[in-house]
Amino acid sequence: MSFDLAVIGGGPSGLAAAWSLLTLGHRVTLYERSSEVGGLLRTRSLEGLPVDVAVQLLGSYYSETFRLAHEAGLSDLLVRAPGRDALWREGRSHPLTYGSVASMASSSALPTTLKFRLASRYLLFLRRHGAELDPAEPLRALALDTESIGAWGERELGRDFVELLVYPQLAAYYGTTPESTSSGFYHALARAGLDLELYGVRGGMGALARGLGDALIGRGISLELGVEVERVTEVGESVVVGWDAGEAIYDGVVIALPAPHVLRLLDPPAPLREWLEGVHFVEEGIIALSVEGFRSPNYFGLSFPRSSRPGAEIAAICHQSQKGVGLGGEGRDTLVVIPTPMVMDQIMSAEPRVALEMILPAVEEVYPGIRSKIKRARVFTFPAGRASFYPGYLSHLSVYDPTWSGPHIALAGDYLIAPTVEGAVRSGFRSARSLSHSLRGGS
């Protein structure tokens, strides 16, 4: 039995939901308010060079994301990244390969005392709790979600663990701080990081999103770009999807949007409304710098402890040319500068030139003279950002009931699994199966 279904939102969760619904034999229309699909899988152009402005790399544990790419015939776009990174400490960069225990043990980035504690305490802790720690299914770590990783880390392993290891990773990749992040969620990330490979997308993350969109069109989906859905209303056994120029009626709908947008589209029952209001999102933004005549270092990401001088304004600098996916040029590169969580709101609200001047002194401290090599700068902001897995969020997530939205509406998004591309994709697959199962009477 097939149904006419709609998916609202063309980010990773919406693309995965649409793909799964088609595979299950349904007719699907995908609505996306922008002119292209992808969401945070965005690649833009700056001075003729592609630049990933939100998601930089994919982790090797992203099994469902890789499966989706394979089924769409896009596996050749995935390229293993060199994995070289660095940490700024004591006024200079120290090479460090995250995901390599040997690198962390030998790197000058971490003090000897911290390396000893990692080896003698934290590795044992992660192995002891290994069955509970999966960053793609963080609910398994529910019993460990009792406090922030900042509080846990300082008590169990010391201040250096929090400031030199935890904070740089969380600030650069999730836009959060140790004090605002669940200890259970971080432990899951750390467990995966013991044996982690990173992948870029040839030509940029946007190439993967475009490829998925093209593959969906090839399978018969109706793709409606530039349409911002304003309301979703259940009427009897149908769902009305409305926008400024009209409406359409479907048998069911997947809303693959952040929780605040779900609240805007729906008039949900009290339990769902209360639960959605407990979902928090972190605003994100980056400043991209197109540079010429700049010799890029032999690493991709340079992270900054917040105690360092550059770390007061910037959490990381990502060198696009060092991902190995064709994002650089001869003597040219694009630097993605990620502001710290502490100044992000100022960056989000400032005029672009003001935002640039806020972070440029910190960048110049790292790369003296770089101001003269900047050909163009651009600010990219993402007000919805990523879901925040704050202390206690796993407990909040554990009580979520998909049936709250009714038999004809399913929700999808990273906030329902994990604040990653993999979490979004898994949520999309899960919502599609749930909606199809419900419409078919549970058969």
Foldseek 3Di string as FASTA:
>chain_A
DEWEEEEEAQALLSLLLLVLNVVVPYAYEYEAQAQAGHVQQDWDDDPRFIDRWGDFWDKPLLVLLCVLCVVLVNNVQKDWFPQWEWEDDPLATKIARFLELVRVLPIPLADNLLNVCCVPPVVVVLVVCVVQAALQFLLSLVVQLAAFLCVVCCVRRRDCCQQRPVALVCCVRPVDHSRFAGNSNVSNVNSCRNHIIIIAGARGSVVSSVSSVVSSVVSPHHYHYSFDWQAWADDPQWIWTDGPVGIDIINFYEYADQLVVVVRHYPFPPVSVVLSVVWDAQKFKKKKFKFAQDDDDQGAKYAYGCPDPLNVFFGIKGWSVNRPRRRADDRITMIITTTHSVCGVVLVPDDVVVNCVRNVVSVCSHVPPRVVGTPDMDMDIDGRHWIGNGRCLSVSLVPDDQCSRPQRYGYAYLSNGHRDSSSRSVRSSVRSVSNVCSSVVND
